[in-house]
């Protein structure tokens, strides 16, 4: 068991952040969540996150006891300074920089800075985020080095020793599905592994286009955007390892 007792989870309502939330609920006695409304095209995630929170409380009562306040911050300014396919109705493409145009410059830096400010005010020690270097699009603000640098900067700048917990940093999407199953199985709820995987399939949202009409085997989404392709490949490897 961690010596830390409280955590704030960056929670978008997607597969990764939901797995991180469950990781936190299994690890820390007090857990709160934070979401950001920045004018993203897939605004459906703001509804999905509420649905996931509701279902977690209903299906996993022992986690419900640990799950505290949910906070949502309005970051419309981020959409104004970031002309990307996540905030504008433009097609996905690779930029000359080598990064996809889904990259929102400064997004994770801003998210974590604001999360740290809230954590400071709430007396929370740990900030949990679903960034990953294994299955990702090359975003520089998802790298382990970035997270370590931010942990130092935020701790020094606020004179409060934060831990940035990145449980998905070194695993791929198939392993993320498996992590969710194992956390569900360890929850003490009968059939908890299947229940948590099914919750993620039915209620989380990852699709960049915000598609909730097309039900795939791994959940809802267009099936063709980079986020859907990554999730689908992970689901296939999870179900057919090797």
C-alpha atoms as a PDB file:
ATOM      1  CA  UNK A   1       0.000   0.000   0.000  1.00  0.00           C
ATOM      2  CA  UNK A   2       1.259   3.472  -0.891  1.00  0.00           C
ATOM      3  CA  UNK A   3       2.228   5.840   1.927  1.00  0.00           C
ATOM      4  CA  UNK A   4       0.251   8.500   0.076  1.00  0.00           C
ATOM      5  CA  UNK A   5      -3.399   8.793   1.089  1.00  0.00           C
ATOM      6  CA  UNK A   6      -5.026  11.120  -1.455  1.00  0.00           C
ATOM      7  CA  UNK A   7      -5.079  11.466  -5.223  1.00  0.00           C
ATOM      8  CA  UNK A   8      -6.517  13.734  -7.906  1.00  0.00           C
ATOM      9  CA  UNK A   9      -7.131  11.920 -11.214  1.00  0.00           C
ATOM     10  CA  UNK A  10      -7.127  13.736 -14.557  1.00  0.00           C
ATOM     11  CA  UNK A  11     -10.338  12.158 -15.816  1.00  0.00           C
ATOM     12  CA  UNK A  12     -11.626  12.621 -19.369  1.00  0.00           C
ATOM     13  CA  UNK A  13     -14.039   9.701 -19.445  1.00  0.00           C
ATOM     14  CA  UNK A  14     -11.888   7.695 -21.853  1.00  0.00           C
ATOM     15  CA  UNK A  15     -10.462   4.201 -21.517  1.00  0.00           C
ATOM     16  CA  UNK A  16      -7.076   5.316 -20.225  1.00  0.00           C
ATOM     17  CA  UNK A  17      -8.289   7.820 -17.653  1.00  0.00           C
ATOM     18  CA  UNK A  18     -10.938   5.387 -16.405  1.00  0.00           C
ATOM     19  CA  UNK A  19      -8.282   2.723 -15.888  1.00  0.00           C
ATOM     20  CA  UNK A  20      -6.166   5.310 -14.062  1.00  0.00           C
ATOM     21  CA  UNK A  21      -9.135   6.247 -11.889  1.00  0.00           C
ATOM     22  CA  UNK A  22      -9.674   2.625 -10.894  1.00  0.00           C
ATOM     23  CA  UNK A  23      -5.935   2.280 -10.231  1.00  0.00           C
ATOM     24  CA  UNK A  24      -6.215   5.254  -7.868  1.00  0.00           C
ATOM     25  CA  UNK A  25      -9.345   3.916  -6.162  1.00  0.00           C
ATOM     26  CA  UNK A  26      -7.574   0.623  -5.491  1.00  0.00           C
ATOM     27  CA  UNK A  27      -4.496   2.405  -4.134  1.00  0.00           C
ATOM     28  CA  UNK A  28      -5.475   5.625  -2.340  1.00  0.00           C
ATOM     29  CA  UNK A  29      -8.084   6.040   0.432  1.00  0.00           C
ATOM     30  CA  UNK A  30      -9.293   9.407  -0.895  1.00  0.00           C
ATOM     31  CA  UNK A  31      -9.723  10.079  -4.611  1.00  0.00           C
ATOM     32  CA  UNK A  32     -11.086  13.100  -6.467  1.00  0.00           C
ATOM     33  CA  UNK A  33     -11.387  13.714 -10.200  1.00  0.00           C
ATOM     34  CA  UNK A  34     -10.816  16.685 -12.479  1.00  0.00           C
ATOM     35  CA  UNK A  35     -11.955  17.264 -16.066  1.00  0.00           C
ATOM     36  CA  UNK A  36     -11.354  20.060 -18.539  1.00  0.00           C
ATOM     37  CA  UNK A  37     -13.766  21.618 -21.028  1.00  0.00           C
ATOM     38  CA  UNK A  38     -11.568  23.266 -23.657  1.00  0.00           C
ATOM     39  CA  UNK A  39     -13.877  23.319 -26.655  1.00  0.00           C
ATOM     40  CA  UNK A  40     -12.846  19.864 -27.846  1.00  0.00           C
ATOM     41  CA  UNK A  41     -14.728  18.488 -30.850  1.00  0.00           C
ATOM     42  CA  UNK A  42     -15.461  15.244 -29.015  1.00  0.00           C
ATOM     43  CA  UNK A  43     -17.389  17.105 -26.329  1.00  0.00           C
ATOM     44  CA  UNK A  44     -19.346  13.910 -25.772  1.00  0.00           C
ATOM     45  CA  UNK A  45     -16.551  12.925 -23.399  1.00  0.00           C
ATOM     46  CA  UNK A  46     -17.913  15.446 -20.879  1.00  0.00           C
ATOM     47  CA  UNK A  47     -21.089  13.355 -20.704  1.00  0.00           C
ATOM     48  CA  UNK A  48     -19.193  10.062 -20.795  1.00  0.00           C
ATOM     49  CA  UNK A  49     -17.148  10.963 -17.725  1.00  0.00           C
ATOM     50  CA  UNK A  50     -20.318  11.499 -15.670  1.00  0.00           C
ATOM     51  CA  UNK A  51     -21.716   8.179 -16.862  1.00  0.00           C
ATOM     52  CA  UNK A  52     -18.518   6.368 -15.896  1.00  0.00           C
ATOM     53  CA  UNK A  53     -18.506   7.933 -12.436  1.00  0.00           C
ATOM     54  CA  UNK A  54     -22.135   6.929 -11.944  1.00  0.00           C
ATOM     55  CA  UNK A  55     -21.531   3.342 -13.036  1.00  0.00           C
ATOM     56  CA  UNK A  56     -18.397   2.945 -10.924  1.00  0.00           C
ATOM     57  CA  UNK A  57     -20.288   4.075  -7.836  1.00  0.00           C
ATOM     58  CA  UNK A  58     -23.171   1.715  -8.589  1.00  0.00           C
ATOM     59  CA  UNK A  59     -21.186  -1.392  -9.480  1.00  0.00           C
ATOM     60  CA  UNK A  60     -18.257  -1.090  -7.070  1.00  0.00           C
ATOM     61  CA  UNK A  61     -19.602   0.107  -3.699  1.00  0.00           C
ATOM     62  CA  UNK A  62     -16.263  -0.167  -1.902  1.00  0.00           C
ATOM     63  CA  UNK A  63     -14.702   2.220  -4.427  1.00  0.00           C
ATOM     64  CA  UNK A  64     -17.690   4.545  -4.147  1.00  0.00           C
ATOM     65  CA  UNK A  65     -16.708   5.111  -0.512  1.00  0.00           C
ATOM     66  CA  UNK A  66     -13.317   6.427  -1.649  1.00  0.00           C
ATOM     67  CA  UNK A  67     -14.559   8.461  -4.614  1.00  0.00           C
ATOM     68  CA  UNK A  68     -14.933  12.095  -3.644  1.00  0.00           C
ATOM     69  CA  UNK A  69     -15.635  15.343  -5.466  1.00  0.00           C
ATOM     70  CA  UNK A  70     -15.506  15.778  -9.229  1.00  0.00           C
ATOM     71  CA  UNK A  71     -14.179  19.104 -10.528  1.00  0.00           C
ATOM     72  CA  UNK A  72     -14.582  20.544 -14.049  1.00  0.00           C
ATOM     73  CA  UNK A  73     -12.606  23.567 -15.236  1.00  0.00           C
ATOM     74  CA  UNK A  74     -13.562  25.717 -18.216  1.00  0.00           C
ATOM     75  CA  UNK A  75     -10.487  26.064 -20.425  1.00  0.00           C
ATOM     76  CA  UNK A  76     -12.028  27.628 -23.516  1.00  0.00           C
ATOM     77  CA  UNK A  77      -8.861  29.694 -23.887  1.00  0.00           C
ATOM     78  CA  UNK A  78      -6.984  26.522 -24.862  1.00  0.00           C
ATOM     79  CA  UNK A  79      -9.227  26.067 -27.891  1.00  0.00           C
ATOM     80  CA  UNK A  80      -8.550  29.667 -28.902  1.00  0.00           C
ATOM     81  CA  UNK A  81      -4.780  29.254 -28.936  1.00  0.00           C
ATOM     82  CA  UNK A  82      -4.714  25.720 -30.375  1.00  0.00           C
ATOM     83  CA  UNK A  83      -5.804  25.307 -33.993  1.00  0.00           C
ATOM     84  CA  UNK A  84      -5.850  21.501 -34.085  1.00  0.00           C
ATOM     85  CA  UNK A  85      -8.168  18.761 -35.299  1.00  0.00           C
ATOM     86  CA  UNK A  86      -9.332  18.241 -31.719  1.00  0.00           C
ATOM     87  CA  UNK A  87     -10.678  21.781 -31.487  1.00  0.00           C
ATOM     88  CA  UNK A  88     -11.530  22.533 -35.132  1.00  0.00           C
ATOM     89  CA  UNK A  89     -13.463  20.685 -37.833  1.00  0.00           C
ATOM     90  CA  UNK A  90     -10.397  19.707 -39.842  1.00  0.00           C
ATOM     91  CA  UNK A  91      -9.201  16.361 -41.184  1.00  0.00           C
ATOM     92  CA  UNK A  92      -6.520  14.397 -39.373  1.00  0.00           C
ATOM     93  CA  UNK A  93      -3.054  14.664 -40.884  1.00  0.00           C
ATOM     94  CA  UNK A  94       0.618  14.628 -39.996  1.00  0.00           C
ATOM     95  CA  UNK A  95       2.301  18.016 -39.693  1.00  0.00           C
ATOM     96  CA  UNK A  96       5.749  18.963 -40.987  1.00  0.00           C
ATOM     97  CA  UNK A  97       6.974  18.701 -37.389  1.00  0.00           C
ATOM     98  CA  UNK A  98       6.277  14.967 -37.472  1.00  0.00           C
ATOM     99  CA  UNK A  99       3.431  15.306 -34.969  1.00  0.00           C
ATOM    100  CA  UNK A 100      -0.224  14.621 -35.853  1.00  0.00           C
ATOM    101  CA  UNK A 101      -2.536  17.623 -35.949  1.00  0.00           C
ATOM    102  CA  UNK A 102      -4.363  16.104 -32.975  1.00  0.00           C
ATOM    103  CA  UNK A 103      -1.531  17.460 -30.816  1.00  0.00           C
ATOM    104  CA  UNK A 104      -2.774  20.382 -28.706  1.00  0.00           C
ATOM    105  CA  UNK A 105       0.372  22.329 -27.739  1.00  0.00           C
ATOM    106  CA  UNK A 106       0.683  22.839 -24.009  1.00  0.00           C
ATOM    107  CA  UNK A 107      -2.472  20.908 -23.164  1.00  0.00           C
ATOM    108  CA  UNK A 108      -1.022  18.415 -20.693  1.00  0.00           C
ATOM    109  CA  UNK A 109       1.307  21.045 -19.243  1.00  0.00           C
ATOM    110  CA  UNK A 110      -1.665  23.292 -18.543  1.00  0.00           C
ATOM    111  CA  UNK A 111      -3.846  20.432 -17.311  1.00  0.00           C
ATOM    112  CA  UNK A 112      -1.246  19.260 -14.816  1.00  0.00           C
ATOM    113  CA  UNK A 113      -0.442  22.774 -13.614  1.00  0.00           C
ATOM    114  CA  UNK A 114      -4.099  23.491 -12.897  1.00  0.00           C
ATOM    115  CA  UNK A 115      -4.573  20.056 -11.366  1.00  0.00           C
ATOM    116  CA  UNK A 116      -1.631  20.737  -9.065  1.00  0.00           C
ATOM    117  CA  UNK A 117      -3.118  24.094  -8.040  1.00  0.00           C
ATOM    118  CA  UNK A 118      -6.399  22.360  -7.185  1.00  0.00           C
ATOM    119  CA  UNK A 119      -4.585  19.527  -5.416  1.00  0.00           C
ATOM    120  CA  UNK A 120      -2.675  22.074  -3.353  1.00  0.00           C
ATOM    121  CA  UNK A 121      -5.904  23.739  -2.264  1.00  0.00           C
ATOM    122  CA  UNK A 122      -7.553  20.383  -1.527  1.00  0.00           C
ATOM    123  CA  UNK A 123      -4.590  19.014   0.412  1.00  0.00           C
ATOM    124  CA  UNK A 124      -4.035  16.218  -2.120  1.00  0.00           C
ATOM    125  CA  UNK A 125      -0.625  14.601  -2.527  1.00  0.00           C
ATOM    126  CA  UNK A 126      -0.786  12.622  -5.770  1.00  0.00           C
ATOM    127  CA  UNK A 127      -1.814  13.625  -9.306  1.00  0.00           C
ATOM    128  CA  UNK A 128      -2.721  10.657 -11.531  1.00  0.00           C
ATOM    129  CA  UNK A 129      -2.637  10.956 -15.317  1.00  0.00           C
ATOM    130  CA  UNK A 130      -2.941   8.439 -18.166  1.00  0.00           C
ATOM    131  CA  UNK A 131      -0.034   9.616 -20.297  1.00  0.00           C
ATOM    132  CA  UNK A 132       1.895   6.847 -22.009  1.00  0.00           C
ATOM    133  CA  UNK A 133       5.059   6.393 -24.077  1.00  0.00           C
ATOM    134  CA  UNK A 134       4.163   2.943 -25.431  1.00  0.00           C
ATOM    135  CA  UNK A 135       0.926   3.340 -27.424  1.00  0.00           C
ATOM    136  CA  UNK A 136       0.864   7.054 -28.215  1.00  0.00           C
ATOM    137  CA  UNK A 137       1.125   9.447 -31.143  1.00  0.00           C
ATOM    138  CA  UNK A 138       4.510  10.883 -30.252  1.00  0.00           C
ATOM    139  CA  UNK A 139       3.121  13.766 -28.190  1.00  0.00           C
ATOM    140  CA  UNK A 140       6.086  15.309 -26.338  1.00  0.00           C
ATOM    141  CA  UNK A 141       3.913  16.194 -23.332  1.00  0.00           C
ATOM    142  CA  UNK A 142       3.151  12.504 -22.747  1.00  0.00           C
ATOM    143  CA  UNK A 143       6.773  11.507 -22.211  1.00  0.00           C
ATOM    144  CA  UNK A 144       8.178  10.273 -18.943  1.00  0.00           C
ATOM    145  CA  UNK A 145      10.868  12.971 -18.991  1.00  0.00           C
ATOM    146  CA  UNK A 146       8.164  15.644 -19.270  1.00  0.00           C
ATOM    147  CA  UNK A 147       6.274  14.183 -16.312  1.00  0.00           C
ATOM    148  CA  UNK A 148       9.404  14.013 -14.148  1.00  0.00           C
ATOM    149  CA  UNK A 149      10.324  17.599 -15.017  1.00  0.00           C
ATOM    150  CA  UNK A 150       6.793  18.790 -14.235  1.00  0.00           C
ATOM    151  CA  UNK A 151       6.768  16.962 -10.916  1.00  0.00           C
ATOM    152  CA  UNK A 152       9.913  18.815  -9.889  1.00  0.00           C
ATOM    153  CA  UNK A 153       8.739  22.195 -11.213  1.00  0.00           C
ATOM    154  CA  UNK A 154       5.292  21.988  -9.612  1.00  0.00           C
ATOM    155  CA  UNK A 155       6.659  20.765  -6.297  1.00  0.00           C
ATOM    156  CA  UNK A 156       9.220  23.573  -6.184  1.00  0.00           C
ATOM    157  CA  UNK A 157       6.858  26.252  -7.470  1.00  0.00           C
ATOM    158  CA  UNK A 158       4.151  25.464  -4.911  1.00  0.00           C
ATOM    159  CA  UNK A 159       6.457  24.310  -2.102  1.00  0.00           C
ATOM    160  CA  UNK A 160       4.377  21.134  -1.875  1.00  0.00           C
ATOM    161  CA  UNK A 161       5.845  17.720  -2.653  1.00  0.00           C
ATOM    162  CA  UNK A 162       3.624  16.306  -5.411  1.00  0.00           C
ATOM    163  CA  UNK A 163       3.841  12.848  -6.898  1.00  0.00           C
ATOM    164  CA  UNK A 164       2.737  12.533 -10.525  1.00  0.00           C
ATOM    165  CA  UNK A 165       1.552   8.936 -10.844  1.00  0.00           C
ATOM    166  CA  UNK A 166       1.569   7.576 -14.433  1.00  0.00           C
ATOM    167  CA  UNK A 167       0.368   3.958 -14.214  1.00  0.00           C
ATOM    168  CA  UNK A 168       0.102   3.506 -17.996  1.00  0.00           C
ATOM    169  CA  UNK A 169       3.466   5.011 -18.955  1.00  0.00           C
ATOM    170  CA  UNK A 170       5.170   1.781 -19.994  1.00  0.00           C
ATOM    171  CA  UNK A 171       2.265  -0.436 -21.072  1.00  0.00           C
ATOM    172  CA  UNK A 172       0.331  -0.727 -24.336  1.00  0.00           C
ATOM    173  CA  UNK A 173      -3.431  -0.691 -24.916  1.00  0.00           C
ATOM    174  CA  UNK A 174      -3.760  -4.466 -24.646  1.00  0.00           C
ATOM    175  CA  UNK A 175      -2.046  -4.325 -21.264  1.00  0.00           C
ATOM    176  CA  UNK A 176      -4.336  -1.441 -20.272  1.00  0.00           C
ATOM    177  CA  UNK A 177      -7.360  -3.663 -20.899  1.00  0.00           C
ATOM    178  CA  UNK A 178      -5.670  -6.411 -18.859  1.00  0.00           C
ATOM    179  CA  UNK A 179      -4.894  -3.973 -16.033  1.00  0.00           C
ATOM    180  CA  UNK A 180      -8.553  -3.011 -15.871  1.00  0.00           C
ATOM    181  CA  UNK A 181      -9.600  -6.649 -15.682  1.00  0.00           C
ATOM    182  CA  UNK A 182      -7.120  -7.386 -12.884  1.00  0.00           C
ATOM    183  CA  UNK A 183      -8.192  -4.321 -10.910  1.00  0.00           C
ATOM    184  CA  UNK A 184     -11.812  -5.360 -11.272  1.00  0.00           C
ATOM    185  CA  UNK A 185     -11.033  -8.906 -10.155  1.00  0.00           C
ATOM    186  CA  UNK A 186      -9.191  -7.586  -7.087  1.00  0.00           C
ATOM    187  CA  UNK A 187     -12.086  -5.304  -6.147  1.00  0.00           C
ATOM    188  CA  UNK A 188     -13.915  -7.928  -4.125  1.00  0.00           C
ATOM    189  CA  UNK A 189     -17.006  -7.671  -6.338  1.00  0.00           C
ATOM    190  CA  UNK A 190     -18.147 -10.996  -7.792  1.00  0.00           C
ATOM    191  CA  UNK A 191     -17.316 -10.988 -11.502  1.00  0.00           C
ATOM    192  CA  UNK A 192     -15.563  -7.665 -11.033  1.00  0.00           C
ATOM    193  CA  UNK A 193     -13.092  -8.234 -13.869  1.00  0.00           C
ATOM    194  CA  UNK A 194     -15.773  -8.693 -16.493  1.00  0.00           C
ATOM    195  CA  UNK A 195     -17.889  -5.954 -14.929  1.00  0.00           C
ATOM    196  CA  UNK A 196     -15.131  -3.365 -15.182  1.00  0.00           C
ATOM    197  CA  UNK A 197     -14.148  -4.315 -18.732  1.00  0.00           C
ATOM    198  CA  UNK A 198     -17.802  -4.128 -19.791  1.00  0.00           C
ATOM    199  CA  UNK A 199     -18.169  -0.754 -18.083  1.00  0.00           C
ATOM    200  CA  UNK A 200     -15.201   0.571 -20.068  1.00  0.00           C
ATOM    201  CA  UNK A 201     -16.594  -0.841 -23.316  1.00  0.00           C
ATOM    202  CA  UNK A 202     -20.091   0.572 -22.818  1.00  0.00           C
ATOM    203  CA  UNK A 203     -19.524   3.906 -21.111  1.00  0.00           C
ATOM    204  CA  UNK A 204     -16.066   5.329 -21.816  1.00  0.00           C
ATOM    205  CA  UNK A 205     -15.377   7.459 -24.874  1.00  0.00           C
ATOM    206  CA  UNK A 206     -12.151   7.769 -26.857  1.00  0.00           C
ATOM    207  CA  UNK A 207     -13.161   8.492 -30.479  1.00  0.00           C
ATOM    208  CA  UNK A 208     -11.817  11.832 -31.772  1.00  0.00           C
ATOM    209  CA  UNK A 209     -15.007  12.383 -33.781  1.00  0.00           C
ATOM    210  CA  UNK A 210     -17.316  11.903 -30.809  1.00  0.00           C
ATOM    211  CA  UNK A 211     -19.161   9.035 -32.503  1.00  0.00           C
ATOM    212  CA  UNK A 212     -21.625   7.350 -30.124  1.00  0.00           C
ATOM    213  CA  UNK A 213     -23.736   5.789 -32.888  1.00  0.00           C
ATOM    214  CA  UNK A 214     -21.449   2.988 -34.036  1.00  0.00           C
ATOM    215  CA  UNK A 215     -20.940   0.185 -31.504  1.00  0.00           C
ATOM    216  CA  UNK A 216     -17.721  -1.720 -32.108  1.00  0.00           C
ATOM    217  CA  UNK A 217     -16.617  -4.811 -30.166  1.00  0.00           C
ATOM    218  CA  UNK A 218     -14.409  -2.539 -28.023  1.00  0.00           C
ATOM    219  CA  UNK A 219     -16.964   0.237 -27.532  1.00  0.00           C
ATOM    220  CA  UNK A 220     -18.424   3.215 -29.367  1.00  0.00           C
ATOM    221  CA  UNK A 221     -16.561   5.140 -32.040  1.00  0.00           C
ATOM    222  CA  UNK A 222     -16.076   5.807 -35.732  1.00  0.00           C
ATOM    223  CA  UNK A 223     -13.533   2.988 -35.989  1.00  0.00           C
ATOM    224  CA  UNK A 224     -11.203   4.912 -38.305  1.00  0.00           C
ATOM    225  CA  UNK A 225      -9.693   7.830 -36.365  1.00  0.00           C
ATOM    226  CA  UNK A 226      -6.276   7.303 -34.705  1.00  0.00           C
ATOM    227  CA  UNK A 227      -7.824   6.909 -31.237  1.00  0.00           C
ATOM    228  CA  UNK A 228     -10.283   4.248 -32.429  1.00  0.00           C
ATOM    229  CA  UNK A 229      -7.602   2.376 -34.371  1.00  0.00           C
ATOM    230  CA  UNK A 230      -5.334   2.279 -31.319  1.00  0.00           C
ATOM    231  CA  UNK A 231      -8.143   1.112 -29.041  1.00  0.00           C
ATOM    232  CA  UNK A 232      -9.270  -1.552 -31.539  1.00  0.00           C
ATOM    233  CA  UNK A 233      -5.759  -2.956 -31.969  1.00  0.00           C
ATOM    234  CA  UNK A 234      -5.312  -3.120 -28.209  1.00  0.00           C
ATOM    235  CA  UNK A 235      -8.656  -4.898 -27.813  1.00  0.00           C
ATOM    236  CA  UNK A 236      -7.657  -7.456 -30.446  1.00  0.00           C
ATOM    237  CA  UNK A 237      -4.297  -8.160 -28.774  1.00  0.00           C
ATOM    238  CA  UNK A 238      -5.957  -8.343 -25.370  1.00  0.00           C
ATOM    239  CA  UNK A 239      -8.452 -10.956 -26.586  1.00  0.00           C
ATOM    240  CA  UNK A 240      -5.926 -12.891 -28.703  1.00  0.00           C
ATOM    241  CA  UNK A 241      -2.517 -12.540 -27.055  1.00  0.00           C
ATOM    242  CA  UNK A 242       0.470 -13.789 -29.004  1.00  0.00           C
END
